[in-house]
PDB file of N, CA and C in Angstrom:
ATOM      1  N   UNK A   1     -14.723  -1.617  -6.268  1.00  0.00           N
ATOM      2  CA  UNK A   1     -13.668  -0.723  -6.667  1.00  0.00           C
ATOM      3  C   UNK A   1     -14.284   0.440  -7.446  1.00  0.00           C
ATOM      4  N   UNK A   2     -13.882   1.674  -7.140  1.00  0.00           N
ATOM      5  CA  UNK A   2     -14.423   2.811  -7.881  1.00  0.00           C
ATOM      6  C   UNK A   2     -14.100   2.703  -9.371  1.00  0.00           C
ATOM      7  N   UNK A   3     -15.092   2.941 -10.221  1.00  0.00           N
ATOM      8  CA  UNK A   3     -14.904   2.785 -11.662  1.00  0.00           C
ATOM      9  C   UNK A   3     -13.961   3.823 -12.255  1.00  0.00           C
ATOM     10  N   UNK A   4     -13.929   5.011 -11.688  1.00  0.00           N
ATOM     11  CA  UNK A   4     -13.107   6.064 -12.257  1.00  0.00           C
ATOM     12  C   UNK A   4     -11.741   6.193 -11.592  1.00  0.00           C
ATOM     13  N   UNK A   5     -11.392   5.273 -10.732  1.00  0.00           N
ATOM     14  CA  UNK A   5     -10.129   5.361 -10.002  1.00  0.00           C
ATOM     15  C   UNK A   5      -9.558   3.952  -9.848  1.00  0.00           C
ATOM     16  N   UNK A   6      -8.943   3.448 -10.896  1.00  0.00           N
ATOM     17  CA  UNK A   6      -8.353   2.118 -10.860  1.00  0.00           C
ATOM     18  C   UNK A   6      -6.859   2.225 -11.144  1.00  0.00           C
ATOM     19  N   UNK A   7      -6.093   1.369 -10.478  1.00  0.00           N
ATOM     20  CA  UNK A   7      -4.644   1.404 -10.654  1.00  0.00           C
ATOM     21  C   UNK A   7      -4.114  -0.023 -10.679  1.00  0.00           C
ATOM     22  N   UNK A   8      -3.089  -0.234 -11.478  1.00  0.00           N
ATOM     23  CA  UNK A   8      -2.346  -1.495 -11.483  1.00  0.00           C
ATOM     24  C   UNK A   8      -0.884  -1.107 -11.374  1.00  0.00           C
ATOM     25  N   UNK A   9      -0.192  -1.655 -10.399  1.00  0.00           N
ATOM     26  CA  UNK A   9       1.219  -1.325 -10.241  1.00  0.00           C
ATOM     27  C   UNK A   9       2.005  -2.566  -9.869  1.00  0.00           C
ATOM     28  N   UNK A  10       3.291  -2.506 -10.174  1.00  0.00           N
ATOM     29  CA  UNK A  10       4.214  -3.576  -9.820  1.00  0.00           C
ATOM     30  C   UNK A  10       5.403  -2.950  -9.125  1.00  0.00           C
ATOM     31  N   UNK A  11       5.865  -3.612  -8.103  1.00  0.00           N
ATOM     32  CA  UNK A  11       7.019  -3.103  -7.382  1.00  0.00           C
ATOM     33  C   UNK A  11       7.498  -4.103  -6.361  1.00  0.00           C
ATOM     34  N   UNK A  12       8.497  -3.684  -5.622  1.00  0.00           N
ATOM     35  CA  UNK A  12       9.133  -4.529  -4.619  1.00  0.00           C
ATOM     36  C   UNK A  12       8.598  -4.181  -3.240  1.00  0.00           C
ATOM     37  N   UNK A  13       8.300  -5.203  -2.439  1.00  0.00           N
ATOM     38  CA  UNK A  13       7.857  -4.968  -1.065  1.00  0.00           C
ATOM     39  C   UNK A  13       9.021  -4.325  -0.317  1.00  0.00           C
ATOM     40  N   UNK A  14       8.765  -3.138   0.284  1.00  0.00           N
ATOM     41  CA  UNK A  14       9.840  -2.325   0.847  1.00  0.00           C
ATOM     42  C   UNK A  14      10.204  -2.685   2.282  1.00  0.00           C
ATOM     43  N   UNK A  15       9.248  -3.137   3.057  1.00  0.00           N
ATOM     44  CA  UNK A  15       9.503  -3.410   4.473  1.00  0.00           C
ATOM     45  C   UNK A  15       8.609  -4.552   4.928  1.00  0.00           C
ATOM     46  N   UNK A  16       8.868  -5.029   6.133  1.00  0.00           N
ATOM     47  CA  UNK A  16       8.075  -6.130   6.670  1.00  0.00           C
ATOM     48  C   UNK A  16       6.610  -5.709   6.790  1.00  0.00           C
ATOM     49  N   UNK A  17       5.691  -6.511   6.265  1.00  0.00           N
ATOM     50  CA  UNK A  17       4.267  -6.166   6.359  1.00  0.00           C
ATOM     51  C   UNK A  17       3.795  -6.155   7.808  1.00  0.00           C
ATOM     52  N   UNK A  18       2.787  -5.347   8.051  1.00  0.00           N
ATOM     53  CA  UNK A  18       2.171  -5.258   9.371  1.00  0.00           C
ATOM     54  C   UNK A  18       0.752  -5.803   9.257  1.00  0.00           C
ATOM     55  N   UNK A  19       0.400  -6.721  10.143  1.00  0.00           N
ATOM     56  CA  UNK A  19      -0.935  -7.330  10.145  1.00  0.00           C
ATOM     57  C   UNK A  19      -1.645  -6.985  11.446  1.00  0.00           C
ATOM     58  N   UNK A  20      -2.956  -6.804  11.350  1.00  0.00           N
ATOM     59  CA  UNK A  20      -3.749  -6.479  12.529  1.00  0.00           C
ATOM     60  C   UNK A  20      -5.165  -7.011  12.328  1.00  0.00           C
ATOM     61  N   UNK A  21      -5.976  -6.875  13.359  1.00  0.00           N
ATOM     62  CA  UNK A  21      -7.386  -7.233  13.278  1.00  0.00           C
ATOM     63  C   UNK A  21      -8.215  -5.977  13.482  1.00  0.00           C
ATOM     64  N   UNK A  22      -9.269  -5.811  12.678  1.00  0.00           N
ATOM     65  CA  UNK A  22     -10.166  -4.660  12.802  1.00  0.00           C
ATOM     66  C   UNK A  22     -11.595  -5.166  12.862  1.00  0.00           C
ATOM     67  N   UNK A  23     -12.474  -4.458  13.582  1.00  0.00           N
ATOM     68  CA  UNK A  23     -13.869  -4.914  13.653  1.00  0.00           C
ATOM     69  C   UNK A  23     -14.591  -4.737  12.323  1.00  0.00           C
ATOM     70  N   UNK A  24     -15.408  -5.716  11.984  1.00  0.00           N
ATOM     71  CA  UNK A  24     -16.271  -5.601  10.809  1.00  0.00           C
ATOM     72  C   UNK A  24     -17.377  -4.608  11.111  1.00  0.00           C
ATOM     73  N   UNK A  25     -17.834  -3.929  10.100  1.00  0.00           N
ATOM     74  CA  UNK A  25     -18.941  -3.004  10.321  1.00  0.00           C
ATOM     75  C   UNK A  25     -20.215  -3.795  10.628  1.00  0.00           C
ATOM     76  N   UNK A  26     -20.919  -3.391  11.649  1.00  0.00           N
ATOM     77  CA  UNK A  26     -22.191  -3.985  12.079  1.00  0.00           C
ATOM     78  C   UNK A  26     -22.086  -5.465  12.467  1.00  0.00           C
ATOM     79  N   UNK A  27     -20.921  -5.938  12.851  1.00  0.00           N
ATOM     80  CA  UNK A  27     -20.764  -7.331  13.290  1.00  0.00           C
ATOM     81  C   UNK A  27     -19.811  -7.372  14.482  1.00  0.00           C
ATOM     82  N   UNK A  28     -19.870  -8.447  15.225  1.00  0.00           N
ATOM     83  CA  UNK A  28     -18.970  -8.618  16.360  1.00  0.00           C
ATOM     84  C   UNK A  28     -17.662  -9.276  15.953  1.00  0.00           C
ATOM     85  N   UNK A  29     -17.575  -9.769  14.729  1.00  0.00           N
ATOM     86  CA  UNK A  29     -16.384 -10.483  14.282  1.00  0.00           C
ATOM     87  C   UNK A  29     -15.278  -9.498  13.875  1.00  0.00           C
ATOM     88  N   UNK A  30     -14.059 -10.024  13.817  1.00  0.00           N
ATOM     89  CA  UNK A  30     -12.907  -9.220  13.416  1.00  0.00           C
ATOM     90  C   UNK A  30     -12.416  -9.671  12.050  1.00  0.00           C
ATOM     91  N   UNK A  31     -11.924  -8.730  11.276  1.00  0.00           N
ATOM     92  CA  UNK A  31     -11.317  -9.023   9.973  1.00  0.00           C
ATOM     93  C   UNK A  31      -9.828  -8.722  10.031  1.00  0.00           C
ATOM     94  N   UNK A  32      -9.071  -9.480   9.271  1.00  0.00           N
ATOM     95  CA  UNK A  32      -7.638  -9.258   9.156  1.00  0.00           C
ATOM     96  C   UNK A  32      -7.401  -8.059   8.236  1.00  0.00           C
ATOM     97  N   UNK A  33      -6.370  -7.284   8.539  1.00  0.00           N
ATOM     98  CA  UNK A  33      -5.954  -6.183   7.687  1.00  0.00           C
ATOM     99  C   UNK A  33      -4.429  -6.238   7.562  1.00  0.00           C
ATOM    100  N   UNK A  34      -3.921  -5.937   6.388  1.00  0.00           N
ATOM    101  CA  UNK A  34      -2.474  -5.967   6.144  1.00  0.00           C
ATOM    102  C   UNK A  34      -2.042  -4.619   5.576  1.00  0.00           C
ATOM    103  N   UNK A  35      -0.923  -4.120   6.061  1.00  0.00           N
ATOM    104  CA  UNK A  35      -0.315  -2.888   5.557  1.00  0.00           C
ATOM    105  C   UNK A  35       1.095  -3.212   5.099  1.00  0.00           C
ATOM    106  N   UNK A  36       1.458  -2.747   3.926  1.00  0.00           N
ATOM    107  CA  UNK A  36       2.848  -2.867   3.492  1.00  0.00           C
ATOM    108  C   UNK A  36       3.132  -1.788   2.472  1.00  0.00           C
ATOM    109  N   UNK A  37       4.410  -1.527   2.229  1.00  0.00           N
ATOM    110  CA  UNK A  37       4.800  -0.509   1.265  1.00  0.00           C
ATOM    111  C   UNK A  37       5.465  -1.166   0.071  1.00  0.00           C
ATOM    112  N   UNK A  38       5.151  -0.638  -1.105  1.00  0.00           N
ATOM    113  CA  UNK A  38       5.710  -1.135  -2.358  1.00  0.00           C
ATOM    114  C   UNK A  38       6.583  -0.033  -2.954  1.00  0.00           C
ATOM    115  N   UNK A  39       7.805  -0.398  -3.347  1.00  0.00           N
ATOM    116  CA  UNK A  39       8.714   0.549  -3.996  1.00  0.00           C
ATOM    117  C   UNK A  39       8.354   0.662  -5.464  1.00  0.00           C
ATOM    118  N   UNK A  40       8.196   1.887  -5.939  1.00  0.00           N
ATOM    119  CA  UNK A  40       7.896   2.138  -7.340  1.00  0.00           C
ATOM    120  C   UNK A  40       9.029   2.929  -7.958  1.00  0.00           C
ATOM    121  N   UNK A  41       9.467   2.510  -9.112  1.00  0.00           N
ATOM    122  CA  UNK A  41      10.486   3.250  -9.851  1.00  0.00           C
ATOM    123  C   UNK A  41       9.756   4.206 -10.788  1.00  0.00           C
ATOM    124  N   UNK A  42       9.650   5.461 -10.383  1.00  0.00           N
ATOM    125  CA  UNK A  42       8.897   6.453 -11.138  1.00  0.00           C
ATOM    126  C   UNK A  42       9.876   7.364 -11.870  1.00  0.00           C
ATOM    127  N   UNK A  43       9.801   7.391 -13.199  1.00  0.00           N
ATOM    128  CA  UNK A  43      10.709   8.263 -13.953  1.00  0.00           C
ATOM    129  C   UNK A  43      10.495   9.732 -13.577  1.00  0.00           C
ATOM    130  N   UNK A  44      11.579  10.487 -13.516  1.00  0.00           N
ATOM    131  CA  UNK A  44      11.528  11.905 -13.186  1.00  0.00           C
ATOM    132  C   UNK A  44      11.839  12.735 -14.422  1.00  0.00           C
ATOM    133  N   UNK A  45      11.245  13.906 -14.478  1.00  0.00           N
ATOM    134  CA  UNK A  45      11.582  14.840 -15.547  1.00  0.00           C
ATOM    135  C   UNK A  45      12.680  15.773 -15.041  1.00  0.00           C
ATOM    136  N   UNK A  46      13.224  16.575 -15.916  1.00  0.00           N
ATOM    137  CA  UNK A  46      14.293  17.497 -15.525  1.00  0.00           C
ATOM    138  C   UNK A  46      13.814  18.548 -14.533  1.00  0.00           C
ATOM    139  N   UNK A  47      12.512  18.844 -14.526  1.00  0.00           N
ATOM    140  CA  UNK A  47      11.985  19.862 -13.620  1.00  0.00           C
ATOM    141  C   UNK A  47      11.632  19.307 -12.242  1.00  0.00           C
ATOM    142  N   UNK A  48      11.621  17.983 -12.085  1.00  0.00           N
ATOM    143  CA  UNK A  48      11.308  17.382 -10.788  1.00  0.00           C
ATOM    144  C   UNK A  48      12.586  17.144 -10.003  1.00  0.00           C
ATOM    145  N   UNK A  49      12.531  17.470  -8.730  1.00  0.00           N
ATOM    146  CA  UNK A  49      13.703  17.273  -7.874  1.00  0.00           C
ATOM    147  C   UNK A  49      14.005  15.787  -7.715  1.00  0.00           C
ATOM    148  N   UNK A  50      15.272  15.431  -7.781  1.00  0.00           N
ATOM    149  CA  UNK A  50      15.693  14.045  -7.593  1.00  0.00           C
ATOM    150  C   UNK A  50      16.607  13.986  -6.385  1.00  0.00           C
ATOM    151  N   UNK A  51      16.156  13.287  -5.382  1.00  0.00           N
ATOM    152  CA  UNK A  51      16.939  13.091  -4.173  1.00  0.00           C
ATOM    153  C   UNK A  51      17.756  11.823  -4.368  1.00  0.00           C
ATOM    154  N   UNK A  52      19.092  11.917  -4.389  1.00  0.00           N
ATOM    155  CA  UNK A  52      19.905  10.725  -4.650  1.00  0.00           C
ATOM    156  C   UNK A  52      19.707   9.600  -3.638  1.00  0.00           C
ATOM    157  N   UNK A  53      19.241   9.908  -2.435  1.00  0.00           N
ATOM    158  CA  UNK A  53      19.020   8.869  -1.431  1.00  0.00           C
ATOM    159  C   UNK A  53      17.660   8.203  -1.577  1.00  0.00           C
ATOM    160  N   UNK A  54      16.747   8.830  -2.307  1.00  0.00           N
ATOM    161  CA  UNK A  54      15.392   8.292  -2.475  1.00  0.00           C
ATOM    162  C   UNK A  54      15.060   8.245  -3.956  1.00  0.00           C
ATOM    163  N   UNK A  55      15.568   7.227  -4.634  1.00  0.00           N
ATOM    164  CA  UNK A  55      15.365   7.119  -6.073  1.00  0.00           C
ATOM    165  C   UNK A  55      14.055   6.410  -6.418  1.00  0.00           C
ATOM    166  N   UNK A  56      13.343   5.919  -5.409  1.00  0.00           N
ATOM    167  CA  UNK A  56      12.067   5.241  -5.617  1.00  0.00           C
ATOM    168  C   UNK A  56      10.994   5.911  -4.767  1.00  0.00           C
ATOM    169  N   UNK A  57       9.761   5.809  -5.212  1.00  0.00           N
ATOM    170  CA  UNK A  57       8.622   6.245  -4.401  1.00  0.00           C
ATOM    171  C   UNK A  57       8.085   5.034  -3.652  1.00  0.00           C
ATOM    172  N   UNK A  58       7.571   5.271  -2.452  1.00  0.00           N
ATOM    173  CA  UNK A  58       6.973   4.210  -1.649  1.00  0.00           C
ATOM    174  C   UNK A  58       5.483   4.463  -1.552  1.00  0.00           C
ATOM    175  N   UNK A  59       4.708   3.457  -1.901  1.00  0.00           N
ATOM    176  CA  UNK A  59       3.260   3.571  -1.856  1.00  0.00           C
ATOM    177  C   UNK A  59       2.730   2.596  -0.816  1.00  0.00           C
ATOM    178  N   UNK A  60       1.933   3.105   0.122  1.00  0.00           N
ATOM    179  CA  UNK A  60       1.358   2.254   1.159  1.00  0.00           C
ATOM    180  C   UNK A  60       0.182   1.488   0.572  1.00  0.00           C
ATOM    181  N   UNK A  61       0.190   0.180   0.772  1.00  0.00           N
ATOM    182  CA  UNK A  61      -0.864  -0.704   0.266  1.00  0.00           C
ATOM    183  C   UNK A  61      -1.585  -1.303   1.466  1.00  0.00           C
ATOM    184  N   UNK A  62      -2.917  -1.361   1.375  1.00  0.00           N
ATOM    185  CA  UNK A  62      -3.733  -1.947   2.444  1.00  0.00           C
ATOM    186  C   UNK A  62      -4.576  -3.060   1.829  1.00  0.00           C
ATOM    187  N   UNK A  63      -4.568  -4.220   2.463  1.00  0.00           N
ATOM    188  CA  UNK A  63      -5.395  -5.353   2.029  1.00  0.00           C
ATOM    189  C   UNK A  63      -6.291  -5.762   3.197  1.00  0.00           C
ATOM    190  N   UNK A  64      -7.510  -6.170   2.879  1.00  0.00           N
ATOM    191  CA  UNK A  64      -8.496  -6.518   3.900  1.00  0.00           C
ATOM    192  C   UNK A  64      -8.972  -7.959   3.756  1.00  0.00           C
ATOM    193  N   UNK A  65      -9.500  -8.479   4.858  1.00  0.00           N
ATOM    194  CA  UNK A  65     -10.228  -9.749   4.848  1.00  0.00           C
ATOM    195  C   UNK A  65      -9.415 -10.954   4.404  1.00  0.00           C
ATOM    196  N   UNK A  66     -10.014 -11.746   3.505  1.00  0.00           N
ATOM    197  CA  UNK A  66      -9.379 -12.982   3.049  1.00  0.00           C
ATOM    198  C   UNK A  66      -8.071 -12.719   2.319  1.00  0.00           C
ATOM    199  N   UNK A  67      -8.004 -11.609   1.574  1.00  0.00           N
ATOM    200  CA  UNK A  67      -6.758 -11.279   0.884  1.00  0.00           C
ATOM    201  C   UNK A  67      -5.647 -11.010   1.887  1.00  0.00           C
ATOM    202  N   UNK A  68      -5.935 -10.233   2.918  1.00  0.00           N
ATOM    203  CA  UNK A  68      -4.936  -9.949   3.954  1.00  0.00           C
ATOM    204  C   UNK A  68      -4.514 -11.234   4.652  1.00  0.00           C
ATOM    205  N   UNK A  69      -5.476 -12.099   4.945  1.00  0.00           N
ATOM    206  CA  UNK A  69      -5.175 -13.378   5.604  1.00  0.00           C
ATOM    207  C   UNK A  69      -4.282 -14.247   4.721  1.00  0.00           C
ATOM    208  N   UNK A  70      -4.536 -14.238   3.415  1.00  0.00           N
ATOM    209  CA  UNK A  70      -3.734 -15.078   2.511  1.00  0.00           C
ATOM    210  C   UNK A  70      -2.302 -14.552   2.360  1.00  0.00           C
ATOM    211  N   UNK A  71      -2.079 -13.272   2.621  1.00  0.00           N
ATOM    212  CA  UNK A  71      -0.726 -12.704   2.522  1.00  0.00           C
ATOM    213  C   UNK A  71       0.110 -12.990   3.764  1.00  0.00           C
ATOM    214  N   UNK A  72      -0.546 -13.252   4.874  1.00  0.00           N
ATOM    215  CA  UNK A  72       0.151 -13.462   6.149  1.00  0.00           C
ATOM    216  C   UNK A  72       1.137 -14.623   6.043  1.00  0.00           C
ATOM    217  N   UNK A  73       2.378 -14.337   6.347  1.00  0.00           N
ATOM    218  CA  UNK A  73       3.421 -15.350   6.313  1.00  0.00           C
ATOM    219  C   UNK A  73       3.944 -15.659   4.924  1.00  0.00           C
ATOM    220  N   UNK A  74       3.455 -14.959   3.889  1.00  0.00           N
ATOM    221  CA  UNK A  74       3.870 -15.265   2.525  1.00  0.00           C
ATOM    222  C   UNK A  74       4.639 -14.146   1.832  1.00  0.00           C
ATOM    223  N   UNK A  75       4.495 -12.910   2.302  1.00  0.00           N
ATOM    224  CA  UNK A  75       5.252 -11.828   1.666  1.00  0.00           C
ATOM    225  C   UNK A  75       6.288 -11.284   2.633  1.00  0.00           C
ATOM    226  N   UNK A  76       7.399 -10.849   2.057  1.00  0.00           N
ATOM    227  CA  UNK A  76       8.490 -10.317   2.859  1.00  0.00           C
ATOM    228  C   UNK A  76       9.215  -9.245   2.045  1.00  0.00           C
ATOM    229  N   UNK A  77      10.021  -8.420   2.701  1.00  0.00           N
ATOM    230  CA  UNK A  77      10.763  -7.399   1.961  1.00  0.00           C
ATOM    231  C   UNK A  77      11.598  -8.029   0.847  1.00  0.00           C
ATOM    232  N   UNK A  78      11.574  -7.377  -0.308  1.00  0.00           N
ATOM    233  CA  UNK A  78      12.317  -7.870  -1.462  1.00  0.00           C
ATOM    234  C   UNK A  78      11.469  -8.662  -2.436  1.00  0.00           C
ATOM    235  N   UNK A  79      10.297  -9.123  -1.996  1.00  0.00           N
ATOM    236  CA  UNK A  79       9.390  -9.848  -2.905  1.00  0.00           C
ATOM    237  C   UNK A  79       8.839  -8.895  -3.953  1.00  0.00           C
ATOM    238  N   UNK A  80       8.634  -9.403  -5.158  1.00  0.00           N
ATOM    239  CA  UNK A  80       8.029  -8.640  -6.238  1.00  0.00           C
ATOM    240  C   UNK A  80       6.518  -8.761  -6.093  1.00  0.00           C
ATOM    241  N   UNK A  81       5.792  -7.652  -6.187  1.00  0.00           N
ATOM    242  CA  UNK A  81       4.360  -7.644  -5.933  1.00  0.00           C
ATOM    243  C   UNK A  81       3.638  -6.903  -7.061  1.00  0.00           C
ATOM    244  N   UNK A  82       2.537  -7.471  -7.525  1.00  0.00           N
ATOM    245  CA  UNK A  82       1.637  -6.788  -8.455  1.00  0.00           C
ATOM    246  C   UNK A  82       0.359  -6.485  -7.690  1.00  0.00           C
ATOM    247  N   UNK A  83      -0.112  -5.249  -7.766  1.00  0.00           N
ATOM    248  CA  UNK A  83      -1.260  -4.804  -6.989  1.00  0.00           C
ATOM    249  C   UNK A  83      -2.290  -4.185  -7.925  1.00  0.00           C
ATOM    250  N   UNK A  84      -3.534  -4.597  -7.767  1.00  0.00           N
ATOM    251  CA  UNK A  84      -4.655  -3.992  -8.478  1.00  0.00           C
ATOM    252  C   UNK A  84      -5.591  -3.408  -7.430  1.00  0.00           C
ATOM    253  N   UNK A  85      -6.037  -2.186  -7.645  1.00  0.00           N
ATOM    254  CA  UNK A  85      -6.927  -1.568  -6.673  1.00  0.00           C
ATOM    255  C   UNK A  85      -7.247  -0.149  -7.046  1.00  0.00           C
ATOM    256  N   UNK A  86      -7.365   0.699  -6.042  1.00  0.00           N
ATOM    257  CA  UNK A  86      -7.626   2.112  -6.277  1.00  0.00           C
ATOM    258  C   UNK A  86      -6.812   2.939  -5.304  1.00  0.00           C
ATOM    259  N   UNK A  87      -6.644   4.205  -5.648  1.00  0.00           N
ATOM    260  CA  UNK A  87      -5.879   5.124  -4.798  1.00  0.00           C
ATOM    261  C   UNK A  87      -6.856   5.902  -3.938  1.00  0.00           C
ATOM    262  N   UNK A  88      -6.524   5.996  -2.673  1.00  0.00           N
ATOM    263  CA  UNK A  88      -7.324   6.759  -1.730  1.00  0.00           C
ATOM    264  C   UNK A  88      -6.374   7.668  -0.960  1.00  0.00           C
ATOM    265  N   UNK A  89      -6.692   8.939  -0.909  1.00  0.00           N
ATOM    266  CA  UNK A  89      -5.861   9.919  -0.209  1.00  0.00           C
ATOM    267  C   UNK A  89      -6.622  10.399   1.009  1.00  0.00           C
ATOM    268  N   UNK A  90      -5.923  10.456   2.135  1.00  0.00           N
ATOM    269  CA  UNK A  90      -6.542  10.934   3.371  1.00  0.00           C
ATOM    270  C   UNK A  90      -5.708  12.068   3.937  1.00  0.00           C
ATOM    271  N   UNK A  91      -6.384  12.996   4.559  1.00  0.00           N
ATOM    272  CA  UNK A  91      -5.694  14.087   5.257  1.00  0.00           C
ATOM    273  C   UNK A  91      -5.584  13.724   6.725  1.00  0.00           C
ATOM    274  N   UNK A  92      -4.483  14.150   7.312  1.00  0.00           N
ATOM    275  CA  UNK A  92      -4.295  13.933   8.735  1.00  0.00           C
ATOM    276  C   UNK A  92      -4.344  15.284   9.435  1.00  0.00           C
ATOM    277  N   UNK A  93      -4.925  15.329  10.623  1.00  0.00           N
ATOM    278  CA  UNK A  93      -5.001  16.577  11.373  1.00  0.00           C
ATOM    279  C   UNK A  93      -3.591  17.058  11.697  1.00  0.00           C
ATOM    280  N   UNK A  94      -3.408  18.367  11.625  1.00  0.00           N
ATOM    281  CA  UNK A  94      -2.126  18.949  11.991  1.00  0.00           C
ATOM    282  C   UNK A  94      -1.124  19.023  10.855  1.00  0.00           C
ATOM    283  N   UNK A  95      -1.520  18.676   9.630  1.00  0.00           N
ATOM    284  CA  UNK A  95      -0.565  18.734   8.522  1.00  0.00           C
ATOM    285  C   UNK A  95      -0.578  20.087   7.841  1.00  0.00           C
ATOM    286  N   UNK A  96      -1.557  20.936   8.154  1.00  0.00           N
ATOM    287  CA  UNK A  96      -1.612  22.252   7.557  1.00  0.00           C
ATOM    288  C   UNK A  96      -2.242  22.269   6.183  1.00  0.00           C
ATOM    289  N   UNK A  97      -2.815  21.170   5.753  1.00  0.00           N
ATOM    290  CA  UNK A  97      -3.438  21.119   4.425  1.00  0.00           C
ATOM    291  C   UNK A  97      -4.891  21.524   4.489  1.00  0.00           C
TER     292      UNK A  97
END
C-alpha cells in the first residue's frame, strides 16, 4: 500500500458485487477479482451542489486474490462494509480530461 495515500472508510454496499478472474502477472494461473460500490455519506458545504436524488457518493472498491475470493458469496447490497486501502484515479480515453 502506498505510504502517502491511505484511506479507511465505512459505508453500505450499494449494488451486487461483480466477480471475475484475471491473469496473474508472469504466471499462467488466474486470480479472483471483486468489484463493488460502497455508499458514503459525505457532508456538503453550502457552496457544494446537492442533488436531492443523490445524497450519497459511490466509491468503486476493487479487491484481489484471496481477499476477493473470501468475499464471494458473503457480501450483498445493504451490508455494512469497512475498507482499508488506497485511492487510485484512472483516466479513460474520450473523457476530454
